[in-house]
Amino acid sequence: MFAALMPPKPPRAKPRVMMHVTDGGYVDGLGDAATFKCDRCGHESDWTRINGVTDVRRGFPCPKCNEAT
């Protein structure tokens, strides 16, 4: 009875695959930067500018694993 009053919830999105830091430091021309690697597919990024510790802890989405298929 109660279910008839509430609309169904939309399906949840798939979780993103994240790359994590392999090296970090100060790079001339970029400032604070880090390299990232995906544990699932092994994709490695070039030096990427980071905004702080939050970017390092969170990581970045892997472009190969998160491609729309």
PDB file of N, CA and C in Angstrom:
ATOM      1  N   MET A   1       0.818  -1.182   0.000  1.00  0.00           N
ATOM      2  CA  MET A   1       0.000   0.000   0.000  1.00  0.00           C
ATOM      3  C   MET A   1       0.871   1.257   0.000  1.00  0.00           C
ATOM      4  N   PHE A   2       1.877   1.297   0.856  1.00  0.00           N
ATOM      5  CA  PHE A   2       2.745   2.464   0.931  1.00  0.00           C
ATOM      6  C   PHE A   2       3.603   2.595  -0.324  1.00  0.00           C
ATOM      7  N   ALA A   3       3.997   1.463  -0.914  1.00  0.00           N
ATOM      8  CA  ALA A   3       4.830   1.481  -2.117  1.00  0.00           C
ATOM      9  C   ALA A   3       4.098   2.123  -3.292  1.00  0.00           C
ATOM     10  N   ALA A   4       2.794   2.041  -3.310  1.00  0.00           N
ATOM     11  CA  ALA A   4       2.030   2.628  -4.407  1.00  0.00           C
ATOM     12  C   ALA A   4       2.068   4.152  -4.355  1.00  0.00           C
ATOM     13  N   LEU A   5       2.316   4.731  -3.186  1.00  0.00           N
ATOM     14  CA  LEU A   5       2.346   6.182  -3.041  1.00  0.00           C
ATOM     15  C   LEU A   5       3.700   6.788  -3.398  1.00  0.00           C
ATOM     16  N   MET A   6       4.767   6.008  -3.265  1.00  0.00           N
ATOM     17  CA  MET A   6       6.120   6.512  -3.508  1.00  0.00           C
ATOM     18  C   MET A   6       6.605   6.077  -4.891  1.00  0.00           C
ATOM     19  N   PRO A   7       7.171   6.992  -5.678  1.00  0.00           N
ATOM     20  CA  PRO A   7       7.706   6.595  -6.982  1.00  0.00           C
ATOM     21  C   PRO A   7       8.973   5.753  -6.782  1.00  0.00           C
ATOM     22  N   PRO A   8       9.289   4.867  -7.725  1.00  0.00           N
ATOM     23  CA  PRO A   8      10.493   4.039  -7.581  1.00  0.00           C
ATOM     24  C   PRO A   8      11.754   4.905  -7.686  1.00  0.00           C
ATOM     25  N   LYS A   9      12.793   4.497  -6.970  1.00  0.00           N
ATOM     26  CA  LYS A   9      14.065   5.225  -7.026  1.00  0.00           C
ATOM     27  C   LYS A   9      14.779   4.909  -8.334  1.00  0.00           C
ATOM     28  N   PRO A  10      15.488   5.883  -8.912  1.00  0.00           N
ATOM     29  CA  PRO A  10      16.248   5.602 -10.130  1.00  0.00           C
ATOM     30  C   PRO A  10      17.431   4.679  -9.803  1.00  0.00           C
ATOM     31  N   PRO A  11      17.930   3.934 -10.776  1.00  0.00           N
ATOM     32  CA  PRO A  11      19.056   3.040 -10.512  1.00  0.00           C
ATOM     33  C   PRO A  11      20.313   3.832 -10.161  1.00  0.00           C
ATOM     34  N   ARG A  12      21.135   3.252  -9.297  1.00  0.00           N
ATOM     35  CA  ARG A  12      22.381   3.911  -8.885  1.00  0.00           C
ATOM     36  C   ARG A  12      23.402   3.863 -10.007  1.00  0.00           C
ATOM     37  N   ALA A  13      24.241   4.878 -10.055  1.00  0.00           N
ATOM     38  CA  ALA A  13      25.316   4.913 -11.040  1.00  0.00           C
ATOM     39  C   ALA A  13      26.408   3.929 -10.635  1.00  0.00           C
ATOM     40  N   LYS A  14      27.158   3.431 -11.631  1.00  0.00           N
ATOM     41  CA  LYS A  14      28.275   2.541 -11.334  1.00  0.00           C
ATOM     42  C   LYS A  14      29.352   3.328 -10.601  1.00  0.00           C
ATOM     43  N   PRO A  15      30.052   2.711  -9.645  1.00  0.00           N
ATOM     44  CA  PRO A  15      31.142   3.420  -8.984  1.00  0.00           C
ATOM     45  C   PRO A  15      32.302   3.662  -9.956  1.00  0.00           C
ATOM     46  N   ARG A  16      32.945   4.806  -9.799  1.00  0.00           N
ATOM     47  CA  ARG A  16      34.078   5.143 -10.664  1.00  0.00           C
ATOM     48  C   ARG A  16      35.327   4.394 -10.207  1.00  0.00           C
ATOM     49  N   VAL A  17      36.171   4.029 -11.162  1.00  0.00           N
ATOM     50  CA  VAL A  17      37.475   3.449 -10.861  1.00  0.00           C
ATOM     51  C   VAL A  17      38.448   4.614 -10.747  1.00  0.00           C
ATOM     52  N   MET A  18      39.162   4.702  -9.621  1.00  0.00           N
ATOM     53  CA  MET A  18      40.036   5.835  -9.360  1.00  0.00           C
ATOM     54  C   MET A  18      41.516   5.452  -9.488  1.00  0.00           C
ATOM     55  N   MET A  19      42.313   6.395  -9.991  1.00  0.00           N
ATOM     56  CA  MET A  19      43.771   6.244 -10.027  1.00  0.00           C
ATOM     57  C   MET A  19      44.320   6.865  -8.747  1.00  0.00           C
ATOM     58  N   HIS A  20      45.418   6.306  -8.240  1.00  0.00           N
ATOM     59  CA  HIS A  20      46.004   6.802  -7.006  1.00  0.00           C
ATOM     60  C   HIS A  20      47.448   7.227  -7.229  1.00  0.00           C
ATOM     61  N   VAL A  21      47.973   8.047  -6.334  1.00  0.00           N
ATOM     62  CA  VAL A  21      49.291   8.676  -6.474  1.00  0.00           C
ATOM     63  C   VAL A  21      50.410   7.650  -6.453  1.00  0.00           C
ATOM     64  N   THR A  22      51.368   7.816  -7.384  1.00  0.00           N
ATOM     65  CA  THR A  22      52.591   7.017  -7.368  1.00  0.00           C
ATOM     66  C   THR A  22      53.805   7.874  -7.055  1.00  0.00           C
ATOM     67  N   ASP A  23      53.743   9.168  -7.368  1.00  0.00           N
ATOM     68  CA  ASP A  23      54.849  10.084  -7.080  1.00  0.00           C
ATOM     69  C   ASP A  23      54.278  11.491  -6.997  1.00  0.00           C
ATOM     70  N   GLY A  24      54.887  12.325  -6.193  1.00  0.00           N
ATOM     71  CA  GLY A  24      54.405  13.692  -6.058  1.00  0.00           C
ATOM     72  C   GLY A  24      55.521  14.625  -5.640  1.00  0.00           C
ATOM     73  N   GLY A  25      55.311  15.912  -5.878  1.00  0.00           N
ATOM     74  CA  GLY A  25      56.301  16.901  -5.493  1.00  0.00           C
ATOM     75  C   GLY A  25      56.065  18.212  -6.221  1.00  0.00           C
ATOM     76  N   TYR A  26      57.109  19.041  -6.236  1.00  0.00           N
ATOM     77  CA  TYR A  26      57.040  20.336  -6.907  1.00  0.00           C
ATOM     78  C   TYR A  26      57.704  20.211  -8.268  1.00  0.00           C
ATOM     79  N   VAL A  27      56.993  20.609  -9.336  1.00  0.00           N
ATOM     80  CA  VAL A  27      57.503  20.530 -10.699  1.00  0.00           C
ATOM     81  C   VAL A  27      57.548  21.944 -11.253  1.00  0.00           C
ATOM     82  N   ASP A  28      58.709  22.331 -11.830  1.00  0.00           N
ATOM     83  CA  ASP A  28      58.827  23.663 -12.430  1.00  0.00           C
ATOM     84  C   ASP A  28      57.783  23.838 -13.524  1.00  0.00           C
ATOM     85  N   GLY A  29      57.069  24.939 -13.484  1.00  0.00           N
ATOM     86  CA  GLY A  29      56.040  25.230 -14.472  1.00  0.00           C
ATOM     87  C   GLY A  29      54.659  24.742 -14.074  1.00  0.00           C
ATOM     88  N   LEU A  30      54.579  23.749 -13.204  1.00  0.00           N
ATOM     89  CA  LEU A  30      53.285  23.239 -12.761  1.00  0.00           C
ATOM     90  C   LEU A  30      52.992  23.584 -11.310  1.00  0.00           C
ATOM     91  N   GLY A  31      54.015  23.656 -10.502  1.00  0.00           N
ATOM     92  CA  GLY A  31      53.804  23.837  -9.062  1.00  0.00           C
ATOM     93  C   GLY A  31      53.667  22.471  -8.415  1.00  0.00           C
ATOM     94  N   ASP A  32      52.743  22.341  -7.463  1.00  0.00           N
ATOM     95  CA  ASP A  32      52.510  21.052  -6.825  1.00  0.00           C
ATOM     96  C   ASP A  32      51.891  20.106  -7.843  1.00  0.00           C
ATOM     97  N   ALA A  33      52.505  18.934  -8.029  1.00  0.00           N
ATOM     98  CA  ALA A  33      52.035  18.000  -9.040  1.00  0.00           C
ATOM     99  C   ALA A  33      52.255  16.568  -8.567  1.00  0.00           C
ATOM    100  N   ALA A  34      51.590  15.642  -9.231  1.00  0.00           N
ATOM    101  CA  ALA A  34      51.724  14.226  -8.896  1.00  0.00           C
ATOM    102  C   ALA A  34      51.466  13.384 -10.135  1.00  0.00           C
ATOM    103  N   THR A  35      51.958  12.151 -10.115  1.00  0.00           N
ATOM    104  CA  THR A  35      51.625  11.170 -11.135  1.00  0.00           C
ATOM    105  C   THR A  35      50.672  10.164 -10.512  1.00  0.00           C
ATOM    106  N   PHE A  36      49.771   9.635 -11.324  1.00  0.00           N
ATOM    107  CA  PHE A  36      48.744   8.716 -10.836  1.00  0.00           C
ATOM    108  C   PHE A  36      48.775   7.432 -11.644  1.00  0.00           C
ATOM    109  N   LYS A  37      48.382   6.317 -10.998  1.00  0.00           N
ATOM    110  CA  LYS A  37      48.333   5.015 -11.662  1.00  0.00           C
ATOM    111  C   LYS A  37      47.063   4.281 -11.253  1.00  0.00           C
ATOM    112  N   CYS A  38      46.451   3.614 -12.230  1.00  0.00           N
ATOM    113  CA  CYS A  38      45.249   2.825 -11.975  1.00  0.00           C
ATOM    114  C   CYS A  38      45.668   1.412 -11.563  1.00  0.00           C
ATOM    115  N   ASP A  39      45.138   0.938 -10.447  1.00  0.00           N
ATOM    116  CA  ASP A  39      45.459  -0.407  -9.982  1.00  0.00           C
ATOM    117  C   ASP A  39      44.781  -1.480 -10.823  1.00  0.00           C
ATOM    118  N   ARG A  40      43.696  -1.149 -11.497  1.00  0.00           N
ATOM    119  CA  ARG A  40      42.948  -2.142 -12.269  1.00  0.00           C
ATOM    120  C   ARG A  40      43.586  -2.388 -13.639  1.00  0.00           C
ATOM    121  N   CYS A  41      43.806  -1.320 -14.418  1.00  0.00           N
ATOM    122  CA  CYS A  41      44.300  -1.515 -15.786  1.00  0.00           C
ATOM    123  C   CYS A  41      45.773  -1.155 -15.959  1.00  0.00           C
ATOM    124  N   GLY A  42      46.373  -0.470 -14.990  1.00  0.00           N
ATOM    125  CA  GLY A  42      47.784  -0.122 -15.075  1.00  0.00           C
ATOM    126  C   GLY A  42      48.072   1.187 -15.794  1.00  0.00           C
ATOM    127  N   HIS A  43      47.038   1.932 -16.188  1.00  0.00           N
ATOM    128  CA  HIS A  43      47.229   3.212 -16.881  1.00  0.00           C
ATOM    129  C   HIS A  43      47.956   4.196 -15.959  1.00  0.00           C
ATOM    130  N   GLU A  44      48.987   4.865 -16.495  1.00  0.00           N
ATOM    131  CA  GLU A  44      49.729   5.862 -15.725  1.00  0.00           C
ATOM    132  C   GLU A  44      49.563   7.227 -16.368  1.00  0.00           C
ATOM    133  N   SER A  45      49.363   8.254 -15.521  1.00  0.00           N
ATOM    134  CA  SER A  45      49.205   9.614 -16.028  1.00  0.00           C
ATOM    135  C   SER A  45      50.552  10.325 -16.050  1.00  0.00           C
ATOM    136  N   ASP A  46      50.610  11.406 -16.815  1.00  0.00           N
ATOM    137  CA  ASP A  46      51.772  12.287 -16.771  1.00  0.00           C
ATOM    138  C   ASP A  46      51.666  13.124 -15.505  1.00  0.00           C
ATOM    139  N   TRP A  47      52.608  14.021 -15.305  1.00  0.00           N
ATOM    140  CA  TRP A  47      52.545  14.907 -14.143  1.00  0.00           C
ATOM    141  C   TRP A  47      51.295  15.771 -14.251  1.00  0.00           C
ATOM    142  N   THR A  48      50.494  15.751 -13.210  1.00  0.00           N
ATOM    143  CA  THR A  48      49.226  16.467 -13.165  1.00  0.00           C
ATOM    144  C   THR A  48      49.259  17.452 -12.013  1.00  0.00           C
ATOM    145  N   ARG A  49      48.839  18.681 -12.284  1.00  0.00           N
ATOM    146  CA  ARG A  49      48.792  19.691 -11.230  1.00  0.00           C
ATOM    147  C   ARG A  49      47.721  19.311 -10.227  1.00  0.00           C
ATOM    148  N   ILE A  50      48.053  19.415  -8.936  1.00  0.00           N
ATOM    149  CA  ILE A  50      47.096  19.107  -7.878  1.00  0.00           C
ATOM    150  C   ILE A  50      46.827  20.349  -7.053  1.00  0.00           C
ATOM    151  N   ASN A  51      45.654  20.401  -6.438  1.00  0.00           N
ATOM    152  CA  ASN A  51      45.253  21.554  -5.641  1.00  0.00           C
ATOM    153  C   ASN A  51      45.515  21.365  -4.157  1.00  0.00           C
ATOM    154  N   GLY A  52      45.964  20.206  -3.762  1.00  0.00           N
ATOM    155  CA  GLY A  52      46.252  19.986  -2.357  1.00  0.00           C
ATOM    156  C   GLY A  52      46.118  18.525  -1.975  1.00  0.00           C
ATOM    157  N   VAL A  53      46.109  18.294  -0.678  1.00  0.00           N
ATOM    158  CA  VAL A  53      46.069  16.941  -0.148  1.00  0.00           C
ATOM    159  C   VAL A  53      44.767  16.231  -0.523  1.00  0.00           C
ATOM    160  N   THR A  54      43.675  16.960  -0.670  1.00  0.00           N
ATOM    161  CA  THR A  54      42.399  16.346  -1.011  1.00  0.00           C
ATOM    162  C   THR A  54      42.475  15.620  -2.345  1.00  0.00           C
ATOM    163  N   ASP A  55      43.101  16.220  -3.351  1.00  0.00           N
ATOM    164  CA  ASP A  55      43.250  15.562  -4.652  1.00  0.00           C
ATOM    165  C   ASP A  55      44.083  14.293  -4.529  1.00  0.00           C
ATOM    166  N   VAL A  56      45.106  14.335  -3.698  1.00  0.00           N
ATOM    167  CA  VAL A  56      45.975  13.173  -3.528  1.00  0.00           C
ATOM    168  C   VAL A  56      45.218  12.032  -2.859  1.00  0.00           C
ATOM    169  N   ARG A  57      44.467  12.318  -1.845  1.00  0.00           N
ATOM    170  CA  ARG A  57      43.728  11.272  -1.129  1.00  0.00           C
ATOM    171  C   ARG A  57      42.584  10.707  -1.950  1.00  0.00           C
ATOM    172  N   ARG A  58      41.883  11.563  -2.663  1.00  0.00           N
ATOM    173  CA  ARG A  58      40.724  11.133  -3.438  1.00  0.00           C
ATOM    174  C   ARG A  58      41.160  10.394  -4.702  1.00  0.00           C
ATOM    175  N   GLY A  59      42.191  10.890  -5.363  1.00  0.00           N
ATOM    176  CA  GLY A  59      42.619  10.323  -6.635  1.00  0.00           C
ATOM    177  C   GLY A  59      41.843  10.955  -7.784  1.00  0.00           C
ATOM    178  N   PHE A  60      42.085  10.447  -8.985  1.00  0.00           N
ATOM    179  CA  PHE A  60      41.400  10.937 -10.164  1.00  0.00           C
ATOM    180  C   PHE A  60      40.766   9.761 -10.897  1.00  0.00           C
ATOM    181  N   PRO A  61      39.638   9.963 -11.578  1.00  0.00           N
ATOM    182  CA  PRO A  61      39.012   8.864 -12.328  1.00  0.00           C
ATOM    183  C   PRO A  61      39.922   8.376 -13.455  1.00  0.00           C
ATOM    184  N   CYS A  62      40.002   7.073 -13.615  1.00  0.00           N
ATOM    185  CA  CYS A  62      40.810   6.487 -14.678  1.00  0.00           C
ATOM    186  C   CYS A  62      40.088   6.681 -16.012  1.00  0.00           C
ATOM    187  N   PRO A  63      40.749   7.304 -17.013  1.00  0.00           N
ATOM    188  CA  PRO A  63      40.068   7.547 -18.292  1.00  0.00           C
ATOM    189  C   PRO A  63      39.785   6.259 -19.067  1.00  0.00           C
ATOM    190  N   LYS A  64      40.607   5.215 -18.903  1.00  0.00           N
ATOM    191  CA  LYS A  64      40.392   3.967 -19.642  1.00  0.00           C
ATOM    192  C   LYS A  64      39.291   3.113 -19.014  1.00  0.00           C
ATOM    193  N   CYS A  65      39.325   2.964 -17.696  1.00  0.00           N
ATOM    194  CA  CYS A  65      38.337   2.103 -17.016  1.00  0.00           C
ATOM    195  C   CYS A  65      36.948   2.735 -16.987  1.00  0.00           C
ATOM    196  N   ASN A  66      36.864   4.055 -17.036  1.00  0.00           N
ATOM    197  CA  ASN A  66      35.579   4.738 -16.926  1.00  0.00           C
ATOM    198  C   ASN A  66      35.024   5.198 -18.276  1.00  0.00           C
ATOM    199  N   GLU A  67      35.557   4.670 -19.372  1.00  0.00           N
ATOM    200  CA  GLU A  67      35.037   5.030 -20.692  1.00  0.00           C
ATOM    201  C   GLU A  67      33.595   4.571 -20.828  1.00  0.00           C
ATOM    202  N   ALA A  68      32.800   5.389 -21.474  1.00  0.00           N
ATOM    203  CA  ALA A  68      31.405   4.991 -21.742  1.00  0.00           C
ATOM    204  C   ALA A  68      31.414   3.930 -22.827  1.00  0.00           C
ATOM    205  N   THR A  69      30.784   2.821 -22.541  1.00  0.00           N
ATOM    206  CA  THR A  69      30.783   1.739 -23.540  1.00  0.00           C
ATOM    207  C   THR A  69      29.422   1.597 -24.168  1.00  0.00           C
TER     208      THR A  69
END
